[in-house]
Amino acid sequence: MDTKQGKRGRPYPKRAVTNSLETADDIDTRAWETFPEIQTAVRNYQRFLASLSDAERAKLRTLRKKLVNDAEKKRGSFNSDSDADLLLEKHIDEAREDRQLFEEWWKVTVPLLSCDIRFNETLSLVWAKIAPGVVQGDPLPQAKLAAQDTKTHADRIRSEAERGNKRFFIELGKCLSGEIKPELCDKIDTQILRILCVDPSIPAKDALRKLRQKGWHMTEENFRMRKQRLKRAILEGRKAYDQSNKA
C-alpha cells in the first residue's frame, strides 16, 4: 500500500474513497439541497413570492434590475458593507408608496443571500482542507472540524467511535487540549475566502480595503498569492476526491 508522510512525520496510508461514487459536483448539489438554513430561507422566499400579485412581482423585478445595475456601477466606490444598505434605501425611498412591499422583500432576501455566502465558504473549506485528508486517510482535518463544535459534529464523533478510529480521537484530543491549533484555515485566509465568496472577481485594492476594515493589513501581491493558493487548494481537493472515486 502506498503511504504518505503525515504533518508530523507519521506515515498515513493512501486510500481511495471507495464508499461513494458521488462526484464533487454531486456533493455540492446534495449539500445545497439538504442544508437546513438554506431550505428554510428558500421556503420563506417562495411563500412571499406566491403571496404577491402579478403587478407586485413586476415592481420587484424593476427594483432588482435597478439595484444590480447600480451595484455594478458603484462596486469600486463602496467603502463599507453599509454602502449596500444605503443603495437599497435610496431605491426604496424612490419607490414611495411601494416601500412596505420592498422592505418585506428585502427581509426574506437577506437570509437567502447570507446562506449562499456561508454555504460557499463552508464548501470551499471542505474541498481545500478536509477532502485531501479524507482521500489520504489523515484524520486530522475532520478532527479539527469536530473540535470547533463537538455538539454540531456529534454524529461524526459517534461514527468514528463506532468505527474504532483511535487516530481520530487522538487528534481530536490534541485539538481540544490546545496541543494542536483547531483552526482548519488561518484566520486571515478565512477572511479572504469570505470576501471571495461574496465577490470572486473583486479587485485586489477593494479586497485590501475590506481586510483593513477587519484589522488585517497586507500588500496586493500578498493578497493575490493567498487568493491563488486558496483557489488552487479548492480545485486540487475536488480533483483528488474525484480521482480517488475512480481508483
Protein backbone atom coordinates (compact mmCIF):
# COMPACT_ATOMS: atom_id res chain seq x y z
CA MET A 1 0.00 0.00 0.00
CA ASP A 2 1.26 3.46 -0.89
CA THR A 3 1.98 5.77 2.04
CA LYS A 4 2.30 9.49 2.56
CA GLN A 5 4.03 11.30 5.39
CA GLY A 6 1.65 12.94 7.85
CA LYS A 7 2.11 16.51 9.04
CA ARG A 8 4.16 15.34 11.99
CA GLY A 9 6.19 12.74 10.13
CA ARG A 10 3.81 9.78 10.58
CA PRO A 11 3.06 7.64 7.54
CA TYR A 12 -0.62 7.76 6.60
CA PRO A 13 -1.96 5.04 4.31
CA LYS A 14 -3.12 6.43 0.99
CA ARG A 15 -6.63 5.18 0.36
CA ALA A 16 -9.35 5.88 -2.15
CA VAL A 17 -12.84 6.92 -1.13
CA THR A 18 -14.45 3.67 -2.21
CA ASN A 19 -17.70 4.02 -0.24
CA SER A 20 -19.18 6.59 -2.62
CA LEU A 21 -19.45 7.12 -6.36
CA GLU A 22 -20.56 10.72 -5.96
CA THR A 23 -18.54 13.32 -7.79
CA ALA A 24 -17.51 16.63 -6.22
CA ASP A 25 -20.33 18.31 -8.16
CA ASP A 26 -22.83 15.75 -6.81
CA ILE A 27 -21.75 16.57 -3.26
CA ASP A 28 -22.10 20.31 -3.86
CA THR A 29 -25.64 19.83 -5.16
CA ARG A 30 -26.72 17.44 -2.41
CA ALA A 31 -25.27 19.68 0.29
CA TRP A 32 -27.17 22.69 -1.07
CA GLU A 33 -30.41 20.71 -1.23
CA THR A 34 -30.12 19.44 2.35
CA PHE A 35 -28.62 22.45 4.16
CA PRO A 36 -31.41 23.27 6.70
CA GLU A 37 -30.88 27.03 6.84
CA ILE A 38 -30.88 27.28 3.07
CA GLN A 39 -34.09 25.29 2.74
CA THR A 40 -35.82 27.48 5.34
CA ALA A 41 -34.70 30.64 3.55
CA VAL A 42 -35.83 29.27 0.18
CA ARG A 43 -39.26 28.28 1.52
CA ASN A 44 -39.79 31.68 3.13
CA TYR A 45 -38.81 33.43 -0.10
CA GLN A 46 -41.08 31.22 -2.21
CA ARG A 47 -44.02 31.77 0.13
CA PHE A 48 -43.52 35.51 -0.07
CA LEU A 49 -43.45 35.48 -3.87
CA ALA A 50 -46.54 33.25 -4.00
CA SER A 51 -48.46 35.78 -1.93
CA LEU A 52 -47.84 38.62 -4.41
CA SER A 53 -49.92 39.82 -7.29
CA ASP A 54 -48.52 39.98 -10.83
CA ALA A 55 -48.25 43.76 -10.51
CA GLU A 56 -46.25 43.48 -7.28
CA ARG A 57 -43.89 40.95 -8.84
CA ALA A 58 -43.33 43.31 -11.75
CA LYS A 59 -42.41 46.12 -9.34
CA LEU A 60 -39.88 43.86 -7.60
CA ARG A 61 -38.31 42.84 -10.91
CA THR A 62 -37.83 46.51 -11.73
CA LEU A 63 -36.25 47.17 -8.34
CA ARG A 64 -33.87 44.21 -8.64
CA LYS A 65 -32.75 45.34 -12.08
CA LYS A 66 -32.03 48.86 -10.80
CA LEU A 67 -30.15 47.50 -7.78
CA VAL A 68 -27.98 45.20 -9.89
CA ASN A 69 -27.14 47.96 -12.37
CA ASP A 70 -26.26 50.45 -9.62
CA ALA A 71 -24.26 47.88 -7.65
CA GLU A 72 -22.15 47.07 -10.72
CA LYS A 73 -21.51 50.77 -11.39
CA LYS A 74 -20.63 51.64 -7.77
CA ARG A 75 -18.91 48.42 -6.66
CA GLY A 76 -15.46 50.02 -6.73
CA SER A 77 -16.60 53.01 -4.67
CA PHE A 78 -18.17 51.02 -1.81
CA ASN A 79 -16.21 51.81 1.34
CA SER A 80 -18.13 49.62 3.79
CA ASP A 81 -20.84 46.98 3.96
CA SER A 82 -23.32 49.70 4.94
CA ASP A 83 -22.98 51.24 1.47
CA ALA A 84 -25.12 48.42 0.06
CA ASP A 85 -27.83 49.19 2.61
CA LEU A 86 -27.71 52.87 1.63
CA LEU A 87 -28.10 51.93 -2.03
CA LEU A 88 -31.14 49.81 -1.22
CA GLU A 89 -32.61 52.58 0.93
CA LYS A 90 -32.18 55.02 -1.95
CA HIS A 91 -34.29 52.87 -4.28
CA ILE A 92 -36.90 52.16 -1.61
CA ASP A 93 -37.29 55.91 -0.97
CA GLU A 94 -37.72 56.48 -4.70
CA ALA A 95 -40.47 53.85 -4.74
CA ARG A 96 -42.50 55.83 -2.16
CA GLU A 97 -45.88 54.10 -1.85
CA ASP A 98 -44.27 50.67 -2.51
CA ARG A 99 -41.85 50.98 0.39
CA GLN A 100 -43.58 48.32 2.51
CA LEU A 101 -43.51 45.82 -0.37
CA PHE A 102 -39.79 46.33 -0.95
CA GLU A 103 -38.96 46.15 2.77
CA GLU A 104 -40.83 42.84 3.06
CA TRP A 105 -38.98 41.53 0.00
CA TRP A 106 -35.61 42.54 1.44
CA LYS A 107 -36.46 40.84 4.74
CA VAL A 108 -36.79 37.43 3.03
CA THR A 109 -33.93 38.11 0.60
CA VAL A 110 -31.18 38.80 3.15
CA PRO A 111 -31.27 35.31 4.77
CA LEU A 112 -31.09 33.71 1.31
CA LEU A 113 -28.07 35.78 0.32
CA SER A 114 -26.39 35.18 3.68
CA CYS A 115 -26.92 31.40 3.45
CA ASP A 116 -25.50 31.34 -0.05
CA ILE A 117 -22.30 33.09 1.05
CA ARG A 118 -21.81 30.95 4.16
CA PHE A 119 -22.62 27.78 2.23
CA ASN A 120 -20.00 28.56 -0.42
CA GLU A 121 -17.47 29.44 2.26
CA THR A 122 -18.09 26.16 4.08
CA LEU A 123 -17.84 24.10 0.88
CA SER A 124 -14.62 25.87 -0.07
CA LEU A 125 -13.09 24.94 3.29
CA VAL A 126 -14.26 21.34 2.88
CA TRP A 127 -12.61 20.95 -0.51
CA ALA A 128 -9.43 22.83 0.39
CA LYS A 129 -8.82 21.50 3.91
CA ILE A 130 -10.87 18.33 4.55
CA ALA A 131 -11.12 16.44 1.24
CA PRO A 132 -7.33 15.88 0.95
CA GLY A 133 -7.29 14.30 4.41
CA VAL A 134 -10.23 12.05 3.57
CA VAL A 135 -8.52 10.85 0.40
CA GLN A 136 -5.17 10.25 2.13
CA GLY A 137 -6.63 8.72 5.28
CA ASP A 138 -5.41 11.58 7.52
CA PRO A 139 -7.97 12.10 10.35
CA LEU A 140 -6.58 15.49 11.45
CA PRO A 141 -8.76 17.77 9.24
CA GLN A 142 -12.01 16.15 10.37
CA ALA A 143 -10.78 16.11 13.98
CA LYS A 144 -10.15 19.85 13.72
CA LEU A 145 -13.63 20.38 12.32
CA ALA A 146 -15.20 18.36 15.13
CA ALA A 147 -13.16 20.19 17.77
CA GLN A 148 -14.58 23.54 16.71
CA ASP A 149 -18.07 22.48 17.79
CA THR A 150 -18.39 18.99 19.30
CA LYS A 151 -22.17 19.31 19.66
CA THR A 152 -22.73 20.14 15.99
CA HIS A 153 -20.41 17.32 14.93
CA ALA A 154 -21.70 14.77 17.43
CA ASP A 155 -22.76 12.42 14.62
CA ARG A 156 -19.24 12.46 13.16
CA ILE A 157 -17.70 11.75 16.56
CA ARG A 158 -20.16 8.92 17.21
CA SER A 159 -19.46 7.46 13.75
CA GLU A 160 -15.71 7.44 14.34
CA ALA A 161 -16.28 5.81 17.73
CA GLU A 162 -18.34 3.06 16.12
CA ARG A 163 -15.53 2.51 13.61
CA GLY A 164 -12.99 2.35 16.42
CA ASN A 165 -10.93 5.09 14.77
CA LYS A 166 -8.39 5.70 17.54
CA ARG A 167 -6.26 8.05 15.44
CA PHE A 168 -9.25 10.37 15.02
CA PHE A 169 -9.73 10.61 18.79
CA ILE A 170 -6.01 11.12 19.40
CA GLU A 171 -6.07 14.08 17.02
CA LEU A 172 -9.36 15.34 18.47
CA GLY A 173 -7.90 15.23 21.98
CA LYS A 174 -4.86 17.23 20.88
CA CYS A 175 -7.10 19.84 19.24
CA LEU A 176 -9.32 20.14 22.31
CA SER A 177 -6.33 20.37 24.68
CA GLY A 178 -4.65 23.08 22.64
CA GLU A 179 -1.66 20.95 21.67
CA ILE A 180 -2.74 21.45 18.04
CA LYS A 181 -4.48 24.55 16.71
CA PRO A 182 -8.07 23.51 15.87
CA GLU A 183 -8.50 26.04 13.05
CA LEU A 184 -8.77 24.48 9.60
CA CYS A 185 -7.59 27.69 7.98
CA ASP A 186 -5.56 30.73 9.04
CA LYS A 187 -7.87 33.49 10.24
CA ILE A 188 -6.68 35.86 7.53
CA ASP A 189 -7.24 33.20 4.85
CA THR A 190 -10.73 32.60 6.24
CA GLN A 191 -11.46 36.32 5.87
CA ILE A 192 -10.09 36.34 2.31
CA LEU A 193 -12.23 33.31 1.48
CA ARG A 194 -15.32 35.06 2.84
CA ILE A 195 -14.62 38.11 0.65
CA LEU A 196 -14.14 35.93 -2.42
CA CYS A 197 -17.41 34.08 -1.75
CA VAL A 198 -19.20 37.43 -1.88
CA ASP A 199 -17.32 38.67 -4.96
CA PRO A 200 -14.98 36.12 -6.66
CA SER A 201 -13.62 38.73 -9.10
CA ILE A 202 -13.10 41.55 -6.59
CA PRO A 203 -10.09 43.76 -7.45
CA ALA A 204 -7.16 43.41 -5.04
CA LYS A 205 -7.34 47.05 -3.91
CA ASP A 206 -11.02 46.67 -2.96
CA ALA A 207 -10.32 43.43 -1.12
CA LEU A 208 -7.49 45.08 0.81
CA ARG A 209 -9.81 47.88 1.87
CA LYS A 210 -12.27 45.33 3.27
CA LEU A 211 -9.43 43.49 5.02
CA ARG A 212 -8.21 46.72 6.63
CA GLN A 213 -11.71 47.31 7.99
CA LYS A 214 -11.36 43.93 9.74
CA GLY A 215 -7.90 44.77 11.10
CA TRP A 216 -5.80 42.91 8.52
CA HIS A 217 -3.02 44.56 6.52
CA MET A 218 -1.11 43.12 3.57
CA THR A 219 0.23 44.06 0.16
CA GLU A 220 -1.65 43.47 -3.08
CA GLU A 221 0.99 40.91 -4.04
CA ASN A 222 0.46 39.01 -0.79
CA PHE A 223 -3.31 39.06 -1.28
CA ARG A 224 -3.02 37.70 -4.82
CA MET A 225 -0.66 34.98 -3.63
CA ARG A 226 -3.05 33.87 -0.84
CA LYS A 227 -6.04 34.08 -3.18
CA GLN A 228 -4.38 31.87 -5.79
CA ARG A 229 -3.23 29.41 -3.11
CA LEU A 230 -6.78 29.08 -1.77
CA LYS A 231 -8.29 28.66 -5.24
CA ARG A 232 -5.65 26.07 -6.14
CA ALA A 233 -6.27 24.13 -2.91
CA ILE A 234 -10.03 24.02 -3.60
CA LEU A 235 -9.54 22.79 -7.17
CA GLU A 236 -6.95 20.21 -6.12
CA GLY A 237 -9.17 18.96 -3.29
CA ARG A 238 -12.10 18.42 -5.67
CA LYS A 239 -9.84 16.78 -8.26
CA ALA A 240 -8.25 14.45 -5.70
CA TYR A 241 -11.67 13.37 -4.45
CA ASP A 242 -12.98 12.63 -7.95
CA GLN A 243 -9.82 10.71 -8.87
CA SER A 244 -10.00 8.65 -5.67
CA ASN A 245 -13.53 7.55 -6.57
CA LYS A 246 -12.29 6.31 -9.94
CA ALA A 247 -9.47 4.28 -8.39
